Amino acid sequence: MIRISVCDDSSYDIELVKAEIQKYSSEKHIQFSVSEFSSPEQLLYELQDGRVADIFILDVSMPGKSGFELAEDIRKYTKSSEIIFLTSMEERAAEGYKVRALRYVIKMNLSRDFREALDCAVREVSDPEDSVVTLHRYNDYRRISYGEIVYVSRVSRQLIVYTKDQGELTDNRGITEFYALLDDERFLFIDRSCFVNVDYISRISGFDITLKNGTVLPVSRRQLHSVKQTLLERWGL
């Protein structure tokens, strides 16, 4: 069972979120335990008692303490839980980078965008067994999860898979073949020789993207528009 904590000062919005979670649960056959909080202080009491959710869904604008400030407090208790921000307007996403927010969802687009955000969060916290790929380099075989892949690049005829915890790995396949093998919406080409796991992108500025580990990668002029469009849609902007 996946534990979700929803914090919003609007009881109406909480009910809308709970309804979306229920629909998702019925369709995906995934069990959720949902706790609701009308103020950041209530949620913090829960954390202080040692009850930490797998997924936090936080309203950005709340009286007293904003969702951003609450997320900073949450990160003192857990680094692995996923955070989804709810917002009534197109607020800047920069504050969310500090707390590794997974998604931004605009409330007026909740029915359209929340499902994708929850789908991504569930995938991250559950790490399903089928989301793995076997890397093959000569006589070396290695299985890694999709979530472990930060980006993949073709360098001097060699496919380099940059991972979160295992460093640089290699594979015999071409980049187009490897991308097709993964067949997952998390991966996005930023130029013809590199694709990135969008969950690791924290910023796009000019022709560069910045990853959560500080790595800066160039985006080709040809891919720039589609990359920006994809990121803004995922960030709820």
C-alpha atoms as a PDB file:
ATOM      1  CA  MET A   1       0.000   0.000   0.000  1.00  0.00           C
ATOM      2  CA  ILE A   2       1.279   3.455  -0.941  1.00  0.00           C
ATOM      3  CA  ARG A   3       0.847   6.185   1.668  1.00  0.00           C
ATOM      4  CA  ILE A   4      -0.217   9.646   0.469  1.00  0.00           C
ATOM      5  CA  SER A   5      -0.475  12.846   2.532  1.00  0.00           C
ATOM      6  CA  VAL A   6      -2.524  15.713   1.064  1.00  0.00           C
ATOM      7  CA  CYS A   7      -2.157  19.181   2.597  1.00  0.00           C
ATOM      8  CA  ASP A   8      -4.419  22.010   1.418  1.00  0.00           C
ATOM      9  CA  ASP A   9      -6.314  24.683   3.334  1.00  0.00           C
ATOM     10  CA  SER A  10      -9.264  24.149   0.976  1.00  0.00           C
ATOM     11  CA  SER A  11     -11.410  21.162   1.939  1.00  0.00           C
ATOM     12  CA  TYR A  12     -13.039  21.367  -1.500  1.00  0.00           C
ATOM     13  CA  ASP A  13      -9.692  20.939  -3.265  1.00  0.00           C
ATOM     14  CA  ILE A  14      -8.761  18.063  -0.964  1.00  0.00           C
ATOM     15  CA  GLU A  15     -11.945  16.240  -1.958  1.00  0.00           C
ATOM     16  CA  LEU A  16     -11.136  16.773  -5.642  1.00  0.00           C
ATOM     17  CA  VAL A  17      -7.668  15.315  -5.140  1.00  0.00           C
ATOM     18  CA  LYS A  18      -9.033  12.358  -3.199  1.00  0.00           C
ATOM     19  CA  ALA A  19     -11.539  11.693  -5.981  1.00  0.00           C
ATOM     20  CA  GLU A  20      -8.723  11.653  -8.565  1.00  0.00           C
ATOM     21  CA  ILE A  21      -6.697   9.281  -6.388  1.00  0.00           C
ATOM     22  CA  GLN A  22      -9.716   6.982  -6.047  1.00  0.00           C
ATOM     23  CA  LYS A  23     -10.218   6.886  -9.827  1.00  0.00           C
ATOM     24  CA  TYR A  24      -6.543   6.132 -10.336  1.00  0.00           C
ATOM     25  CA  SER A  25      -6.680   3.404  -7.675  1.00  0.00           C
ATOM     26  CA  SER A  26      -9.657   1.735  -9.349  1.00  0.00           C
ATOM     27  CA  GLU A  27      -8.096   1.833 -12.804  1.00  0.00           C
ATOM     28  CA  LYS A  28      -4.607   0.727 -11.776  1.00  0.00           C
ATOM     29  CA  HIS A  29      -5.630  -1.659  -8.981  1.00  0.00           C
ATOM     30  CA  ILE A  30      -3.186   0.025  -6.608  1.00  0.00           C
ATOM     31  CA  GLN A  31      -4.077   0.512  -2.959  1.00  0.00           C
ATOM     32  CA  PHE A  32      -3.507   3.906  -1.352  1.00  0.00           C
ATOM     33  CA  SER A  33      -3.766   5.101   2.224  1.00  0.00           C
ATOM     34  CA  VAL A  34      -4.677   8.801   2.059  1.00  0.00           C
ATOM     35  CA  SER A  35      -4.250  11.200   4.999  1.00  0.00           C
ATOM     36  CA  GLU A  36      -5.577  14.744   4.671  1.00  0.00           C
ATOM     37  CA  PHE A  37      -4.386  17.881   6.435  1.00  0.00           C
ATOM     38  CA  SER A  38      -5.897  21.356   6.353  1.00  0.00           C
ATOM     39  CA  SER A  39      -2.728  23.104   7.562  1.00  0.00           C
ATOM     40  CA  PRO A  40       1.054  22.577   7.397  1.00  0.00           C
ATOM     41  CA  GLU A  41       1.166  22.407  11.197  1.00  0.00           C
ATOM     42  CA  GLN A  42      -1.079  19.336  11.232  1.00  0.00           C
ATOM     43  CA  LEU A  43       1.138  17.564   8.725  1.00  0.00           C
ATOM     44  CA  LEU A  44       4.288  18.453  10.669  1.00  0.00           C
ATOM     45  CA  TYR A  45       2.813  16.900  13.835  1.00  0.00           C
ATOM     46  CA  GLU A  46       2.369  13.693  11.823  1.00  0.00           C
ATOM     47  CA  LEU A  47       5.998  13.785  10.689  1.00  0.00           C
ATOM     48  CA  GLN A  48       7.238  14.444  14.210  1.00  0.00           C
ATOM     49  CA  ASP A  49       5.406  11.308  15.317  1.00  0.00           C
ATOM     50  CA  GLY A  50       7.359   9.299  12.750  1.00  0.00           C
ATOM     51  CA  ARG A  51       4.560   8.826  10.220  1.00  0.00           C
ATOM     52  CA  VAL A  52       6.105   9.633   6.838  1.00  0.00           C
ATOM     53  CA  ALA A  53       4.161   9.283   3.593  1.00  0.00           C
ATOM     54  CA  ASP A  54       5.518   7.914   0.327  1.00  0.00           C
ATOM     55  CA  ILE A  55       3.949  10.781  -1.640  1.00  0.00           C
ATOM     56  CA  PHE A  56       3.165  14.319  -0.436  1.00  0.00           C
ATOM     57  CA  ILE A  57       0.654  16.458  -2.335  1.00  0.00           C
ATOM     58  CA  LEU A  58       1.003  20.072  -1.180  1.00  0.00           C
ATOM     59  CA  ASP A  59      -0.865  23.266  -1.969  1.00  0.00           C
ATOM     60  CA  VAL A  60       1.647  26.007  -2.754  1.00  0.00           C
ATOM     61  CA  SER A  61      -0.375  28.899  -1.287  1.00  0.00           C
ATOM     62  CA  MET A  62      -1.456  28.326   2.310  1.00  0.00           C
ATOM     63  CA  PRO A  63      -1.761  30.821   5.184  1.00  0.00           C
ATOM     64  CA  GLY A  64       1.145  30.934   7.597  1.00  0.00           C
ATOM     65  CA  LYS A  65       3.496  28.506   5.852  1.00  0.00           C
ATOM     66  CA  SER A  66       3.663  28.033   2.097  1.00  0.00           C
ATOM     67  CA  GLY A  67       3.859  24.669   0.399  1.00  0.00           C
ATOM     68  CA  PHE A  68       7.489  25.408  -0.469  1.00  0.00           C
ATOM     69  CA  GLU A  69       8.345  26.016   3.193  1.00  0.00           C
ATOM     70  CA  LEU A  70       6.447  22.910   4.226  1.00  0.00           C
ATOM     71  CA  ALA A  71       8.358  20.870   1.656  1.00  0.00           C
ATOM     72  CA  GLU A  72      11.644  22.083   3.138  1.00  0.00           C
ATOM     73  CA  ASP A  73      10.468  20.792   6.530  1.00  0.00           C
ATOM     74  CA  ILE A  74       9.419  17.476   4.975  1.00  0.00           C
ATOM     75  CA  ARG A  75      12.890  16.997   3.504  1.00  0.00           C
ATOM     76  CA  LYS A  76      14.310  17.071   7.039  1.00  0.00           C
ATOM     77  CA  TYR A  77      12.426  13.835   7.686  1.00  0.00           C
ATOM     78  CA  THR A  78      12.637  12.092   4.328  1.00  0.00           C
ATOM     79  CA  LYS A  79      14.780  12.378   1.214  1.00  0.00           C
ATOM     80  CA  SER A  80      13.091   9.591  -0.739  1.00  0.00           C
ATOM     81  CA  SER A  81       9.401  10.586  -0.613  1.00  0.00           C
ATOM     82  CA  GLU A  82       7.988  12.261  -3.720  1.00  0.00           C
ATOM     83  CA  ILE A  83       6.439  15.743  -3.633  1.00  0.00           C
ATOM     84  CA  ILE A  84       3.726  17.052  -5.972  1.00  0.00           C
ATOM     85  CA  PHE A  85       2.778  20.729  -5.734  1.00  0.00           C
ATOM     86  CA  LEU A  86      -0.727  22.022  -6.401  1.00  0.00           C
ATOM     87  CA  THR A  87      -1.028  25.626  -7.508  1.00  0.00           C
ATOM     88  CA  SER A  88      -3.815  27.984  -8.536  1.00  0.00           C
ATOM     89  CA  MET A  89      -1.550  29.971 -10.824  1.00  0.00           C
ATOM     90  CA  GLU A  90       1.542  29.552 -12.921  1.00  0.00           C
ATOM     91  CA  GLU A  91       4.030  30.140 -10.139  1.00  0.00           C
ATOM     92  CA  ARG A  92       7.737  29.831 -10.767  1.00  0.00           C
ATOM     93  CA  ALA A  93       9.029  26.336 -10.287  1.00  0.00           C
ATOM     94  CA  ALA A  94      12.478  27.420  -9.052  1.00  0.00           C
ATOM     95  CA  GLU A  95      11.574  27.091  -5.364  1.00  0.00           C
ATOM     96  CA  GLY A  96      10.598  23.488  -5.937  1.00  0.00           C
ATOM     97  CA  TYR A  97      14.051  22.537  -7.175  1.00  0.00           C
ATOM     98  CA  LYS A  98      15.436  22.988  -3.663  1.00  0.00           C
ATOM     99  CA  VAL A  99      13.170  20.240  -2.340  1.00  0.00           C
ATOM    100  CA  ARG A 100      13.257  17.948  -5.398  1.00  0.00           C
ATOM    101  CA  ALA A 101       9.614  18.428  -6.316  1.00  0.00           C
ATOM    102  CA  LEU A 102       8.485  15.833  -8.837  1.00  0.00           C
ATOM    103  CA  ARG A 103       5.623  17.716 -10.506  1.00  0.00           C
ATOM    104  CA  TYR A 104       3.539  20.906 -10.459  1.00  0.00           C
ATOM    105  CA  VAL A 105      -0.174  20.589 -11.181  1.00  0.00           C
ATOM    106  CA  ILE A 106      -2.382  23.613 -11.778  1.00  0.00           C
ATOM    107  CA  LYS A 107      -5.653  23.105  -9.931  1.00  0.00           C
ATOM    108  CA  MET A 108      -7.842  24.180 -12.820  1.00  0.00           C
ATOM    109  CA  ASN A 109      -6.172  21.429 -14.885  1.00  0.00           C
ATOM    110  CA  LEU A 110      -6.360  18.815 -12.129  1.00  0.00           C
ATOM    111  CA  SER A 111      -8.466  16.307 -14.037  1.00  0.00           C
ATOM    112  CA  ARG A 112      -6.153  16.586 -17.034  1.00  0.00           C
ATOM    113  CA  ASP A 113      -2.703  16.627 -15.420  1.00  0.00           C
ATOM    114  CA  PHE A 114      -2.946  14.982 -12.001  1.00  0.00           C
ATOM    115  CA  ARG A 115      -3.028  11.446 -13.340  1.00  0.00           C
ATOM    116  CA  GLU A 116       0.338  11.795 -15.080  1.00  0.00           C
ATOM    117  CA  ALA A 117       1.890  13.329 -11.952  1.00  0.00           C
ATOM    118  CA  LEU A 118       0.566  10.544  -9.736  1.00  0.00           C
ATOM    119  CA  ASP A 119       1.626   7.932 -12.273  1.00  0.00           C
ATOM    120  CA  CYS A 120       5.188   9.233 -12.136  1.00  0.00           C
ATOM    121  CA  ALA A 121       5.203   9.419  -8.316  1.00  0.00           C
ATOM    122  CA  VAL A 122       3.880   5.870  -7.964  1.00  0.00           C
ATOM    123  CA  ARG A 123       6.508   4.629 -10.385  1.00  0.00           C
ATOM    124  CA  GLU A 124       9.248   6.300  -8.361  1.00  0.00           C
ATOM    125  CA  VAL A 125       8.181   5.021  -4.953  1.00  0.00           C
ATOM    126  CA  SER A 126       7.234   1.514  -6.033  1.00  0.00           C
ATOM    127  CA  ASP A 127      10.152   0.822  -8.431  1.00  0.00           C
ATOM    128  CA  PRO A 128       8.243  -1.894 -10.335  1.00  0.00           C
ATOM    129  CA  GLU A 129      10.259  -4.955 -11.386  1.00  0.00           C
ATOM    130  CA  ASP A 130       9.260  -4.634 -15.034  1.00  0.00           C
ATOM    131  CA  SER A 131      10.912  -1.183 -15.282  1.00  0.00           C
ATOM    132  CA  VAL A 132      14.415  -2.573 -15.679  1.00  0.00           C
ATOM    133  CA  VAL A 133      16.764  -2.927 -18.618  1.00  0.00           C
ATOM    134  CA  THR A 134      19.758  -5.214 -19.137  1.00  0.00           C
ATOM    135  CA  LEU A 135      22.902  -3.472 -20.320  1.00  0.00           C
ATOM    136  CA  HIS A 136      25.206  -5.548 -22.494  1.00  0.00           C
ATOM    137  CA  ARG A 137      28.837  -4.754 -23.165  1.00  0.00           C
ATOM    138  CA  TYR A 138      30.928  -7.630 -24.582  1.00  0.00           C
ATOM    139  CA  ASN A 139      30.641 -10.386 -21.924  1.00  0.00           C
ATOM    140  CA  ASP A 140      29.356  -8.075 -19.199  1.00  0.00           C
ATOM    141  CA  TYR A 141      25.621  -7.963 -18.418  1.00  0.00           C
ATOM    142  CA  ARG A 142      24.074  -5.632 -15.883  1.00  0.00           C
ATOM    143  CA  ARG A 143      20.417  -4.949 -14.928  1.00  0.00           C
ATOM    144  CA  ILE A 144      19.412  -1.451 -13.842  1.00  0.00           C
ATOM    145  CA  SER A 145      16.071   0.203 -13.189  1.00  0.00           C
ATOM    146  CA  TYR A 146      14.764   2.956 -15.448  1.00  0.00           C
ATOM    147  CA  GLY A 147      14.758   5.330 -12.484  1.00  0.00           C
ATOM    148  CA  GLU A 148      18.516   4.788 -12.107  1.00  0.00           C
ATOM    149  CA  ILE A 149      19.191   6.232 -15.585  1.00  0.00           C
ATOM    150  CA  VAL A 150      19.949   9.975 -15.532  1.00  0.00           C
ATOM    151  CA  TYR A 151      20.832  10.393 -19.202  1.00  0.00           C
ATOM    152  CA  VAL A 152      22.232   8.453 -22.144  1.00  0.00           C
ATOM    153  CA  SER A 153      24.743   9.798 -24.626  1.00  0.00           C
ATOM    154  CA  ARG A 154      26.532   8.562 -27.726  1.00  0.00           C
ATOM    155  CA  VAL A 155      30.228   9.405 -27.387  1.00  0.00           C
ATOM    156  CA  SER A 156      32.828   8.328 -29.961  1.00  0.00           C
ATOM    157  CA  ARG A 157      30.731   5.395 -31.214  1.00  0.00           C
ATOM    158  CA  GLN A 158      30.107   4.235 -27.657  1.00  0.00           C
ATOM    159  CA  LEU A 159      26.803   4.363 -25.788  1.00  0.00           C
ATOM    160  CA  ILE A 160      27.328   5.777 -22.285  1.00  0.00           C
ATOM    161  CA  VAL A 161      24.550   5.352 -19.710  1.00  0.00           C
ATOM    162  CA  TYR A 162      24.994   7.858 -16.889  1.00  0.00           C
ATOM    163  CA  THR A 163      23.359   6.513 -13.733  1.00  0.00           C
ATOM    164  CA  LYS A 164      22.348   7.948 -10.384  1.00  0.00           C
ATOM    165  CA  ASP A 165      24.385   5.621  -8.164  1.00  0.00           C
ATOM    166  CA  GLN A 166      26.484   3.357 -10.390  1.00  0.00           C
ATOM    167  CA  GLY A 167      28.469   5.891 -12.374  1.00  0.00           C
ATOM    168  CA  GLU A 168      28.998   5.573 -16.127  1.00  0.00           C
ATOM    169  CA  LEU A 169      27.970   2.290 -17.747  1.00  0.00           C
ATOM    170  CA  THR A 170      28.231   1.222 -21.382  1.00  0.00           C
ATOM    171  CA  ASP A 171      26.079  -0.725 -23.824  1.00  0.00           C
ATOM    172  CA  ASN A 172      26.624  -2.254 -27.265  1.00  0.00           C
ATOM    173  CA  ARG A 173      23.461  -0.837 -28.844  1.00  0.00           C
ATOM    174  CA  GLY A 174      22.962   2.365 -30.774  1.00  0.00           C
ATOM    175  CA  ILE A 175      21.220   5.269 -29.098  1.00  0.00           C
ATOM    176  CA  THR A 176      18.052   5.071 -31.225  1.00  0.00           C
ATOM    177  CA  GLU A 177      17.762   1.333 -30.600  1.00  0.00           C
ATOM    178  CA  PHE A 178      18.303   1.782 -26.862  1.00  0.00           C
ATOM    179  CA  TYR A 179      15.731   4.596 -26.664  1.00  0.00           C
ATOM    180  CA  ALA A 180      13.152   2.432 -28.459  1.00  0.00           C
ATOM    181  CA  LEU A 181      13.923  -0.449 -26.116  1.00  0.00           C
ATOM    182  CA  LEU A 182      13.153   1.689 -23.044  1.00  0.00           C
ATOM    183  CA  ASP A 183       9.915   2.998 -24.601  1.00  0.00           C
ATOM    184  CA  ASP A 184       9.136   5.225 -21.605  1.00  0.00           C
ATOM    185  CA  GLU A 185       7.781   8.792 -21.526  1.00  0.00           C
ATOM    186  CA  ARG A 186      10.385   9.770 -18.920  1.00  0.00           C
ATOM    187  CA  PHE A 187      13.098   9.855 -21.594  1.00  0.00           C
ATOM    188  CA  LEU A 188      13.438  12.843 -23.888  1.00  0.00           C
ATOM    189  CA  PHE A 189      15.931  13.516 -26.693  1.00  0.00           C
ATOM    190  CA  ILE A 190      17.696  16.876 -26.258  1.00  0.00           C
ATOM    191  CA  ASP A 191      19.792  16.327 -29.374  1.00  0.00           C
ATOM    192  CA  ARG A 192      20.355  13.423 -31.744  1.00  0.00           C
ATOM    193  CA  SER A 193      23.152  11.948 -29.598  1.00  0.00           C
ATOM    194  CA  CYS A 194      21.654  12.379 -26.118  1.00  0.00           C
ATOM    195  CA  PHE A 195      18.400  11.717 -24.301  1.00  0.00           C
ATOM    196  CA  VAL A 196      17.624  12.548 -20.669  1.00  0.00           C
ATOM    197  CA  ASN A 197      15.370  11.231 -17.918  1.00  0.00           C
ATOM    198  CA  VAL A 198      13.136  14.287 -17.421  1.00  0.00           C
ATOM    199  CA  ASP A 199      12.678  13.478 -13.729  1.00  0.00           C
ATOM    200  CA  TYR A 200      16.301  14.560 -13.223  1.00  0.00           C
ATOM    201  CA  ILE A 201      15.976  17.920 -15.010  1.00  0.00           C
ATOM    202  CA  SER A 202      15.793  20.873 -12.642  1.00  0.00           C
ATOM    203  CA  ARG A 203      16.161  23.846 -14.999  1.00  0.00           C
ATOM    204  CA  ILE A 204      16.152  24.949 -18.621  1.00  0.00           C
ATOM    205  CA  SER A 205      17.775  28.219 -19.582  1.00  0.00           C
ATOM    206  CA  GLY A 206      18.669  29.316 -23.085  1.00  0.00           C
ATOM    207  CA  PHE A 207      20.022  26.268 -24.904  1.00  0.00           C
ATOM    208  CA  ASP A 208      21.040  24.428 -21.725  1.00  0.00           C
ATOM    209  CA  ILE A 209      19.334  22.133 -19.236  1.00  0.00           C
ATOM    210  CA  THR A 210      20.617  21.652 -15.695  1.00  0.00           C
ATOM    211  CA  LEU A 211      20.206  18.314 -13.951  1.00  0.00           C
ATOM    212  CA  LYS A 212      19.593  17.833 -10.236  1.00  0.00           C
ATOM    213  CA  ASN A 213      23.210  16.689  -9.786  1.00  0.00           C
ATOM    214  CA  GLY A 214      24.466  19.971 -11.287  1.00  0.00           C
ATOM    215  CA  THR A 215      25.364  18.599 -14.726  1.00  0.00           C
ATOM    216  CA  VAL A 216      24.657  21.062 -17.574  1.00  0.00           C
ATOM    217  CA  LEU A 217      23.781  19.630 -20.995  1.00  0.00           C
ATOM    218  CA  PRO A 218      23.256  21.507 -24.281  1.00  0.00           C
ATOM    219  CA  VAL A 219      19.948  21.311 -26.134  1.00  0.00           C
ATOM    220  CA  SER A 220      20.069  21.410 -29.919  1.00  0.00           C
ATOM    221  CA  ARG A 221      18.272  24.223 -31.680  1.00  0.00           C
ATOM    222  CA  ARG A 222      16.114  21.652 -33.467  1.00  0.00           C
ATOM    223  CA  GLN A 223      14.955  20.040 -30.214  1.00  0.00           C
ATOM    224  CA  LEU A 224      14.649  23.183 -28.081  1.00  0.00           C
ATOM    225  CA  HIS A 225      10.957  23.887 -28.656  1.00  0.00           C
ATOM    226  CA  SER A 226       9.779  20.329 -27.984  1.00  0.00           C
ATOM    227  CA  VAL A 227      12.026  20.028 -24.905  1.00  0.00           C
ATOM    228  CA  LYS A 228      10.673  23.274 -23.438  1.00  0.00           C
ATOM    229  CA  GLN A 229       7.081  22.303 -24.210  1.00  0.00           C
ATOM    230  CA  THR A 230       7.461  18.881 -22.575  1.00  0.00           C
ATOM    231  CA  LEU A 231       9.108  20.287 -19.451  1.00  0.00           C
ATOM    232  CA  LEU A 232       6.585  23.085 -18.983  1.00  0.00           C
ATOM    233  CA  GLU A 233       3.716  20.633 -19.312  1.00  0.00           C
ATOM    234  CA  ARG A 234       5.283  18.318 -16.719  1.00  0.00           C
ATOM    235  CA  TRP A 235       6.003  21.202 -14.364  1.00  0.00           C
ATOM    236  CA  GLY A 236       2.423  22.462 -14.678  1.00  0.00           C
ATOM    237  CA  LEU A 237       3.339  25.762 -16.338  1.00  0.00           C
END
